Amino acid sequence: MAKSDKKKAATVQSPAKPGRKPLKTKKSRVFAGLHASDIAVLDRLFTVVESRRQADPAISHSARLLSRGPAKVAQKFGEEAVECLIEAVAGNHDALVAESADVLYHLVVLWVSAGVSAHEVWTELTRREGISGLAEKAARPAAAAVKLDTPKLP
């Protein structure tokens, strides 16, 4: 199969949402069509960010973020997550894709800052694979459940 044919086979037309016009030019990749090298991009990103821990903050954005400490890294991750949510709610597909990439990058920086390895996260995801989200949540110890007290209105 020619390279261009493989690319076409790995994409599908985005489905139309109820009440919206069908998208004519936007395409999304089908997970089954991804190559292992595409999926491993997060492992490669983790390796690069980890290597930047000791780099010069003047020449590396990752080093600059990491030098500011875990609280600032977490704050930046939160800002990026909010931007991602805004684009999702607004229905801006391309901006959501870009902001999602920013969120993943900043999440990796947060992991490196906090001493969490990508392998630990992949292991946890593998552990949860095939487990209903409701069953997994119900199996958590009661102490792990955080409940927010909301003030009662008069």
N, C-alpha and C. Protein backbone atom coordinates (compact mmCIF):
# COMPACT_ATOMS: atom_id res chain seq x y z
N MET A 1 0.85 -1.17 0.00
CA MET A 1 0.00 0.00 0.00
C MET A 1 0.90 1.23 0.00
N ALA A 2 0.61 2.18 -0.84
CA ALA A 2 1.39 3.41 -0.94
C ALA A 2 1.24 4.23 0.33
N LYS A 3 2.25 5.07 0.62
CA LYS A 3 2.23 5.88 1.83
C LYS A 3 0.98 6.75 1.92
N SER A 4 0.59 7.36 0.79
CA SER A 4 -0.59 8.22 0.80
C SER A 4 -1.85 7.40 1.05
N ASP A 5 -1.88 6.16 0.56
CA ASP A 5 -3.04 5.29 0.81
C ASP A 5 -3.12 4.91 2.28
N LYS A 6 -1.96 4.66 2.90
CA LYS A 6 -1.96 4.33 4.33
C LYS A 6 -2.49 5.50 5.14
N LYS A 7 -2.07 6.72 4.77
CA LYS A 7 -2.54 7.90 5.49
C LYS A 7 -4.04 8.04 5.36
N LYS A 8 -4.56 7.82 4.15
CA LYS A 8 -6.01 7.91 3.95
C LYS A 8 -6.74 6.84 4.75
N ALA A 9 -6.16 5.64 4.82
CA ALA A 9 -6.79 4.55 5.56
C ALA A 9 -6.79 4.82 7.06
N ALA A 10 -5.86 5.64 7.53
CA ALA A 10 -5.74 5.92 8.95
C ALA A 10 -6.55 7.12 9.39
N THR A 11 -7.37 7.67 8.49
CA THR A 11 -8.19 8.81 8.86
C THR A 11 -9.64 8.54 8.49
N VAL A 12 -10.50 9.21 9.19
CA VAL A 12 -11.93 9.12 8.88
C VAL A 12 -12.51 10.51 8.93
N GLN A 13 -13.59 10.71 8.23
CA GLN A 13 -14.28 11.99 8.29
C GLN A 13 -14.89 12.14 9.67
N SER A 14 -14.72 13.29 10.28
CA SER A 14 -15.32 13.53 11.59
C SER A 14 -16.84 13.48 11.47
N PRO A 15 -17.50 12.81 12.41
CA PRO A 15 -18.96 12.72 12.32
C PRO A 15 -19.62 14.06 12.62
N ALA A 16 -20.75 14.26 12.01
CA ALA A 16 -21.52 15.48 12.28
C ALA A 16 -22.18 15.33 13.64
N LYS A 17 -22.23 16.41 14.39
CA LYS A 17 -22.90 16.40 15.69
C LYS A 17 -24.34 16.81 15.47
N PRO A 18 -25.26 16.28 16.29
CA PRO A 18 -26.66 16.67 16.13
C PRO A 18 -26.81 18.18 16.20
N GLY A 19 -27.55 18.73 15.26
CA GLY A 19 -27.80 20.16 15.24
C GLY A 19 -26.68 20.98 14.62
N ARG A 20 -25.64 20.31 14.11
CA ARG A 20 -24.53 21.02 13.48
C ARG A 20 -24.33 20.52 12.07
N LYS A 21 -23.74 21.39 11.24
CA LYS A 21 -23.44 21.00 9.87
C LYS A 21 -22.31 19.96 9.88
N PRO A 22 -22.33 19.02 8.95
CA PRO A 22 -21.23 18.05 8.89
C PRO A 22 -19.92 18.77 8.61
N LEU A 23 -18.85 18.28 9.21
CA LEU A 23 -17.54 18.84 8.97
C LEU A 23 -17.01 18.30 7.66
N LYS A 24 -16.57 19.18 6.79
CA LYS A 24 -16.13 18.75 5.48
C LYS A 24 -14.63 18.53 5.40
N THR A 25 -13.84 19.27 6.17
CA THR A 25 -12.39 19.18 6.01
C THR A 25 -11.68 18.60 7.21
N LYS A 26 -12.30 18.57 8.34
CA LYS A 26 -11.63 18.08 9.53
C LYS A 26 -11.60 16.56 9.53
N LYS A 27 -10.44 16.02 9.77
CA LYS A 27 -10.30 14.58 9.85
C LYS A 27 -9.62 14.24 11.16
N SER A 28 -9.96 13.10 11.70
CA SER A 28 -9.30 12.65 12.92
C SER A 28 -8.72 11.27 12.68
N ARG A 29 -7.67 10.98 13.38
CA ARG A 29 -7.01 9.70 13.20
C ARG A 29 -7.77 8.61 13.93
N VAL A 30 -7.80 7.46 13.36
CA VAL A 30 -8.41 6.30 13.99
C VAL A 30 -7.32 5.63 14.82
N PHE A 31 -7.61 5.32 16.07
CA PHE A 31 -6.59 4.75 16.95
C PHE A 31 -5.95 3.52 16.33
N ALA A 32 -6.74 2.66 15.73
CA ALA A 32 -6.20 1.44 15.13
C ALA A 32 -5.22 1.76 14.00
N GLY A 33 -5.32 2.94 13.42
CA GLY A 33 -4.44 3.32 12.33
C GLY A 33 -3.13 3.93 12.80
N LEU A 34 -3.01 4.18 14.11
CA LEU A 34 -1.79 4.77 14.62
C LEU A 34 -0.67 3.73 14.66
N HIS A 35 0.53 4.19 14.47
CA HIS A 35 1.69 3.33 14.58
C HIS A 35 2.21 3.40 16.00
N ALA A 36 2.95 2.38 16.43
CA ALA A 36 3.53 2.37 17.77
C ALA A 36 4.36 3.62 18.02
N SER A 37 5.04 4.11 16.98
CA SER A 37 5.86 5.31 17.15
C SER A 37 5.00 6.53 17.44
N ASP A 38 3.77 6.57 16.92
CA ASP A 38 2.86 7.67 17.21
C ASP A 38 2.43 7.63 18.68
N ILE A 39 2.11 6.44 19.15
CA ILE A 39 1.65 6.27 20.52
C ILE A 39 2.78 6.52 21.52
N ALA A 40 4.01 6.19 21.15
CA ALA A 40 5.16 6.33 22.04
C ALA A 40 5.63 7.78 22.16
N VAL A 41 4.95 8.69 21.51
CA VAL A 41 5.38 10.10 21.55
C VAL A 41 5.42 10.62 22.99
N LEU A 42 4.53 10.16 23.85
CA LEU A 42 4.54 10.63 25.24
C LEU A 42 5.76 10.10 25.99
N ASP A 43 6.18 8.87 25.70
CA ASP A 43 7.41 8.35 26.30
C ASP A 43 8.61 9.17 25.85
N ARG A 44 8.66 9.50 24.57
CA ARG A 44 9.76 10.30 24.06
C ARG A 44 9.73 11.70 24.68
N LEU A 45 8.55 12.28 24.80
CA LEU A 45 8.42 13.60 25.41
C LEU A 45 8.90 13.56 26.86
N PHE A 46 8.51 12.52 27.59
CA PHE A 46 8.94 12.38 28.98
C PHE A 46 10.47 12.35 29.06
N THR A 47 11.09 11.58 28.18
CA THR A 47 12.55 11.46 28.16
C THR A 47 13.21 12.82 27.90
N VAL A 48 12.65 13.57 26.97
CA VAL A 48 13.21 14.90 26.66
C VAL A 48 13.05 15.83 27.86
N VAL A 49 11.86 15.88 28.45
CA VAL A 49 11.64 16.78 29.59
C VAL A 49 12.54 16.38 30.75
N GLU A 50 12.65 15.09 31.01
CA GLU A 50 13.52 14.60 32.08
C GLU A 50 14.97 15.04 31.83
N SER A 51 15.40 14.98 30.58
CA SER A 51 16.78 15.38 30.25
C SER A 51 16.99 16.88 30.41
N ARG A 52 15.93 17.66 30.37
CA ARG A 52 16.04 19.12 30.50
C ARG A 52 16.10 19.58 31.95
N ARG A 53 15.92 18.65 32.87
CA ARG A 53 15.92 19.00 34.30
C ARG A 53 17.18 19.79 34.67
N GLN A 54 18.32 19.39 34.12
CA GLN A 54 19.59 20.04 34.45
C GLN A 54 20.04 21.03 33.37
N ALA A 55 19.19 21.29 32.39
CA ALA A 55 19.55 22.20 31.30
C ALA A 55 19.48 23.66 31.77
N ASP A 56 20.00 24.52 30.96
CA ASP A 56 20.01 25.96 31.24
C ASP A 56 18.60 26.52 31.00
N PRO A 57 17.98 27.09 32.03
CA PRO A 57 16.64 27.67 31.88
C PRO A 57 16.57 28.79 30.84
N ALA A 58 17.71 29.37 30.49
CA ALA A 58 17.72 30.44 29.49
C ALA A 58 17.53 29.89 28.08
N ILE A 59 17.80 28.60 27.88
CA ILE A 59 17.69 28.03 26.53
C ILE A 59 16.68 26.89 26.42
N SER A 60 16.06 26.50 27.54
CA SER A 60 15.09 25.42 27.51
C SER A 60 13.83 25.80 28.26
N HIS A 61 12.70 25.76 27.56
CA HIS A 61 11.42 26.08 28.21
C HIS A 61 11.12 25.08 29.32
N SER A 62 11.39 23.81 29.08
CA SER A 62 11.15 22.79 30.11
C SER A 62 12.02 23.06 31.34
N ALA A 63 13.29 23.39 31.13
CA ALA A 63 14.18 23.70 32.25
C ALA A 63 13.69 24.92 33.02
N ARG A 64 13.20 25.92 32.28
CA ARG A 64 12.68 27.13 32.92
C ARG A 64 11.48 26.78 33.81
N LEU A 65 10.57 25.98 33.28
CA LEU A 65 9.40 25.58 34.08
C LEU A 65 9.83 24.79 35.31
N LEU A 66 10.70 23.81 35.11
CA LEU A 66 11.14 22.97 36.22
C LEU A 66 11.89 23.76 37.28
N SER A 67 12.63 24.79 36.87
CA SER A 67 13.41 25.59 37.83
C SER A 67 12.51 26.42 38.74
N ARG A 68 11.29 26.62 38.34
CA ARG A 68 10.37 27.44 39.14
C ARG A 68 9.71 26.67 40.28
N GLY A 69 9.88 25.35 40.28
CA GLY A 69 9.37 24.53 41.37
C GLY A 69 8.00 23.94 41.09
N PRO A 70 7.64 22.93 41.90
CA PRO A 70 6.40 22.18 41.67
C PRO A 70 5.12 23.03 41.71
N ALA A 71 5.08 24.02 42.57
CA ALA A 71 3.85 24.83 42.67
C ALA A 71 3.61 25.62 41.38
N LYS A 72 4.67 26.20 40.82
CA LYS A 72 4.53 26.96 39.58
C LYS A 72 4.24 26.03 38.40
N VAL A 73 4.86 24.85 38.40
CA VAL A 73 4.59 23.87 37.34
C VAL A 73 3.12 23.46 37.40
N ALA A 74 2.62 23.20 38.60
CA ALA A 74 1.21 22.82 38.77
C ALA A 74 0.28 23.95 38.34
N GLN A 75 0.64 25.18 38.69
CA GLN A 75 -0.17 26.33 38.29
C GLN A 75 -0.24 26.43 36.77
N LYS A 76 0.91 26.26 36.10
CA LYS A 76 0.94 26.34 34.64
C LYS A 76 0.11 25.23 34.02
N PHE A 77 0.20 24.02 34.58
CA PHE A 77 -0.62 22.92 34.10
C PHE A 77 -2.11 23.27 34.23
N GLY A 78 -2.49 23.84 35.36
CA GLY A 78 -3.89 24.24 35.56
C GLY A 78 -4.34 25.28 34.56
N GLU A 79 -3.49 26.25 34.27
CA GLU A 79 -3.83 27.27 33.27
C GLU A 79 -4.06 26.64 31.90
N GLU A 80 -3.19 25.72 31.53
CA GLU A 80 -3.32 25.05 30.23
C GLU A 80 -4.58 24.19 30.19
N ALA A 81 -4.90 23.54 31.30
CA ALA A 81 -6.10 22.72 31.36
C ALA A 81 -7.35 23.57 31.18
N VAL A 82 -7.37 24.74 31.81
CA VAL A 82 -8.51 25.65 31.67
C VAL A 82 -8.65 26.11 30.22
N GLU A 83 -7.52 26.46 29.57
CA GLU A 83 -7.57 26.86 28.17
C GLU A 83 -8.14 25.73 27.30
N CYS A 84 -7.76 24.51 27.62
CA CYS A 84 -8.27 23.35 26.88
C CYS A 84 -9.79 23.22 27.06
N LEU A 85 -10.24 23.39 28.29
CA LEU A 85 -11.68 23.31 28.57
C LEU A 85 -12.46 24.40 27.83
N ILE A 86 -11.91 25.58 27.80
CA ILE A 86 -12.57 26.70 27.12
C ILE A 86 -12.76 26.38 25.64
N GLU A 87 -11.72 25.85 25.01
CA GLU A 87 -11.82 25.50 23.59
C GLU A 87 -12.80 24.35 23.36
N ALA A 88 -12.85 23.41 24.30
CA ALA A 88 -13.80 22.29 24.17
C ALA A 88 -15.23 22.79 24.24
N VAL A 89 -15.51 23.65 25.20
CA VAL A 89 -16.86 24.19 25.37
C VAL A 89 -17.24 25.06 24.17
N ALA A 90 -16.28 25.79 23.64
CA ALA A 90 -16.54 26.65 22.49
C ALA A 90 -16.69 25.86 21.19
N GLY A 91 -16.29 24.61 21.21
CA GLY A 91 -16.41 23.78 20.01
C GLY A 91 -15.34 24.08 18.97
N ASN A 92 -14.21 24.64 19.40
CA ASN A 92 -13.11 24.97 18.48
C ASN A 92 -12.20 23.76 18.33
N HIS A 93 -12.47 22.94 17.35
CA HIS A 93 -11.76 21.67 17.16
C HIS A 93 -10.25 21.85 17.09
N ASP A 94 -9.77 22.67 16.17
CA ASP A 94 -8.34 22.82 15.98
C ASP A 94 -7.66 23.41 17.21
N ALA A 95 -8.30 24.38 17.84
CA ALA A 95 -7.74 24.96 19.06
C ALA A 95 -7.75 23.94 20.19
N LEU A 96 -8.76 23.09 20.25
CA LEU A 96 -8.82 22.04 21.27
C LEU A 96 -7.68 21.05 21.07
N VAL A 97 -7.39 20.70 19.83
CA VAL A 97 -6.27 19.79 19.55
C VAL A 97 -4.97 20.43 20.03
N ALA A 98 -4.75 21.68 19.70
CA ALA A 98 -3.52 22.37 20.09
C ALA A 98 -3.42 22.50 21.62
N GLU A 99 -4.51 22.88 22.26
CA GLU A 99 -4.50 23.03 23.71
C GLU A 99 -4.34 21.68 24.40
N SER A 100 -4.89 20.62 23.81
CA SER A 100 -4.72 19.28 24.38
C SER A 100 -3.26 18.88 24.37
N ALA A 101 -2.56 19.21 23.28
CA ALA A 101 -1.12 18.93 23.22
C ALA A 101 -0.38 19.72 24.31
N ASP A 102 -0.79 20.97 24.52
CA ASP A 102 -0.19 21.78 25.59
C ASP A 102 -0.43 21.15 26.95
N VAL A 103 -1.65 20.66 27.18
CA VAL A 103 -1.98 20.03 28.46
C VAL A 103 -1.11 18.79 28.68
N LEU A 104 -0.98 17.96 27.66
CA LEU A 104 -0.16 16.76 27.81
C LEU A 104 1.30 17.11 28.08
N TYR A 105 1.83 18.09 27.36
CA TYR A 105 3.20 18.53 27.60
C TYR A 105 3.36 18.99 29.05
N HIS A 106 2.47 19.86 29.52
CA HIS A 106 2.59 20.40 30.87
C HIS A 106 2.32 19.33 31.93
N LEU A 107 1.52 18.33 31.62
CA LEU A 107 1.33 17.20 32.54
C LEU A 107 2.64 16.43 32.67
N VAL A 108 3.32 16.21 31.56
CA VAL A 108 4.62 15.52 31.61
C VAL A 108 5.61 16.34 32.43
N VAL A 109 5.64 17.65 32.26
CA VAL A 109 6.52 18.50 33.06
C VAL A 109 6.16 18.37 34.54
N LEU A 110 4.88 18.31 34.85
CA LEU A 110 4.43 18.15 36.23
C LEU A 110 4.91 16.82 36.80
N TRP A 111 4.79 15.74 36.00
CA TRP A 111 5.29 14.43 36.45
C TRP A 111 6.77 14.51 36.79
N VAL A 112 7.55 15.08 35.87
CA VAL A 112 9.01 15.18 36.09
C VAL A 112 9.28 15.99 37.35
N SER A 113 8.59 17.11 37.52
CA SER A 113 8.77 17.96 38.68
C SER A 113 8.46 17.22 39.97
N ALA A 114 7.44 16.38 39.94
CA ALA A 114 6.98 15.66 41.14
C ALA A 114 7.67 14.31 41.33
N GLY A 115 8.54 13.94 40.41
CA GLY A 115 9.23 12.66 40.54
C GLY A 115 8.39 11.45 40.17
N VAL A 116 7.40 11.67 39.33
CA VAL A 116 6.55 10.58 38.85
C VAL A 116 7.07 10.14 37.50
N SER A 117 7.25 8.84 37.32
CA SER A 117 7.72 8.35 36.02
C SER A 117 6.54 8.04 35.12
N ALA A 118 6.76 8.17 33.83
CA ALA A 118 5.72 7.81 32.87
C ALA A 118 5.33 6.35 33.06
N HIS A 119 6.31 5.50 33.35
CA HIS A 119 6.04 4.07 33.55
C HIS A 119 5.03 3.85 34.68
N GLU A 120 5.12 4.63 35.75
CA GLU A 120 4.16 4.50 36.85
C GLU A 120 2.75 4.81 36.38
N VAL A 121 2.61 5.83 35.56
CA VAL A 121 1.29 6.21 35.05
C VAL A 121 0.77 5.13 34.11
N TRP A 122 1.64 4.64 33.20
CA TRP A 122 1.21 3.59 32.26
C TRP A 122 0.81 2.34 33.02
N THR A 123 1.54 2.01 34.09
CA THR A 123 1.21 0.84 34.91
C THR A 123 -0.16 1.00 35.55
N GLU A 124 -0.44 2.18 36.05
CA GLU A 124 -1.75 2.44 36.68
C GLU A 124 -2.87 2.36 35.64
N LEU A 125 -2.62 2.92 34.45
CA LEU A 125 -3.64 2.82 33.40
C LEU A 125 -3.87 1.37 32.99
N THR A 126 -2.80 0.60 32.91
CA THR A 126 -2.93 -0.81 32.57
C THR A 126 -3.71 -1.55 33.64
N ARG A 127 -3.45 -1.23 34.91
CA ARG A 127 -4.18 -1.85 36.02
C ARG A 127 -5.68 -1.57 35.91
N ARG A 128 -6.02 -0.36 35.49
CA ARG A 128 -7.42 0.02 35.40
C ARG A 128 -8.11 -0.45 34.12
N GLU A 129 -7.33 -0.88 33.15
CA GLU A 129 -7.89 -1.27 31.86
C GLU A 129 -8.91 -2.39 32.06
N GLY A 130 -10.07 -2.20 31.49
CA GLY A 130 -11.12 -3.21 31.57
C GLY A 130 -11.94 -3.15 32.84
N ILE A 131 -11.61 -2.22 33.73
CA ILE A 131 -12.37 -2.06 34.97
C ILE A 131 -13.34 -0.91 34.78
N SER A 132 -14.58 -1.14 35.10
CA SER A 132 -15.58 -0.09 35.02
C SER A 132 -15.15 1.07 35.91
N GLY A 133 -15.30 2.28 35.41
CA GLY A 133 -14.97 3.45 36.21
C GLY A 133 -15.78 3.50 37.49
N LEU A 134 -17.03 3.09 37.44
CA LEU A 134 -17.86 3.07 38.64
C LEU A 134 -17.37 2.03 39.64
N ALA A 135 -16.98 0.86 39.13
CA ALA A 135 -16.48 -0.20 40.02
C ALA A 135 -15.15 0.22 40.63
N GLU A 136 -14.28 0.85 39.84
CA GLU A 136 -12.98 1.28 40.35
C GLU A 136 -13.17 2.34 41.43
N LYS A 137 -14.08 3.26 41.22
CA LYS A 137 -14.31 4.32 42.21
C LYS A 137 -14.91 3.73 43.48
N ALA A 138 -15.82 2.77 43.34
CA ALA A 138 -16.45 2.15 44.51
C ALA A 138 -15.44 1.35 45.32
N ALA A 139 -14.38 0.85 44.68
CA ALA A 139 -13.39 0.04 45.37
C ALA A 139 -12.37 0.87 46.15
N ARG A 140 -12.37 2.17 45.94
CA ARG A 140 -11.42 3.04 46.66
C ARG A 140 -11.78 3.08 48.13
N PRO A 141 -10.77 3.18 48.99
CA PRO A 141 -11.06 3.31 50.43
C PRO A 141 -11.84 4.60 50.69
N ALA A 142 -12.69 4.58 51.69
CA ALA A 142 -13.52 5.74 52.01
C ALA A 142 -12.67 6.96 52.33
N ALA A 143 -11.50 6.76 52.93
CA ALA A 143 -10.63 7.88 53.28
C ALA A 143 -10.09 8.58 52.04
N ALA A 144 -10.04 7.86 50.92
CA ALA A 144 -9.52 8.45 49.69
C ALA A 144 -10.54 9.36 49.02
N ALA A 145 -11.80 9.18 49.36
CA ALA A 145 -12.84 10.01 48.76
C ALA A 145 -12.82 11.38 49.43
N VAL A 146 -12.67 12.41 48.63
CA VAL A 146 -12.65 13.77 49.15
C VAL A 146 -14.02 14.37 48.92
N LYS A 147 -14.63 14.83 50.00
CA LYS A 147 -15.96 15.44 49.88
C LYS A 147 -15.83 16.90 50.25
N LEU A 148 -16.38 17.73 49.42
CA LEU A 148 -16.35 19.16 49.69
C LEU A 148 -17.61 19.54 50.45
N ASP A 149 -17.42 20.24 51.56
CA ASP A 149 -18.56 20.74 52.31
C ASP A 149 -19.02 22.03 51.67
N THR A 150 -20.27 22.07 51.29
CA THR A 150 -20.81 23.28 50.71
C THR A 150 -21.67 23.96 51.77
N PRO A 151 -21.50 25.25 51.90
CA PRO A 151 -22.31 25.95 52.92
C PRO A 151 -23.78 25.91 52.55
N LYS A 152 -24.60 25.80 53.57
CA LYS A 152 -26.05 25.80 53.35
C LYS A 152 -26.52 27.22 53.23
N LEU A 153 -27.31 27.44 52.21
CA LEU A 153 -27.85 28.78 51.99
C LEU A 153 -29.10 28.97 52.84
N PRO A 154 -29.28 30.18 53.35
CA PRO A 154 -30.49 30.43 54.20
C PRO A 154 -31.75 30.37 53.40
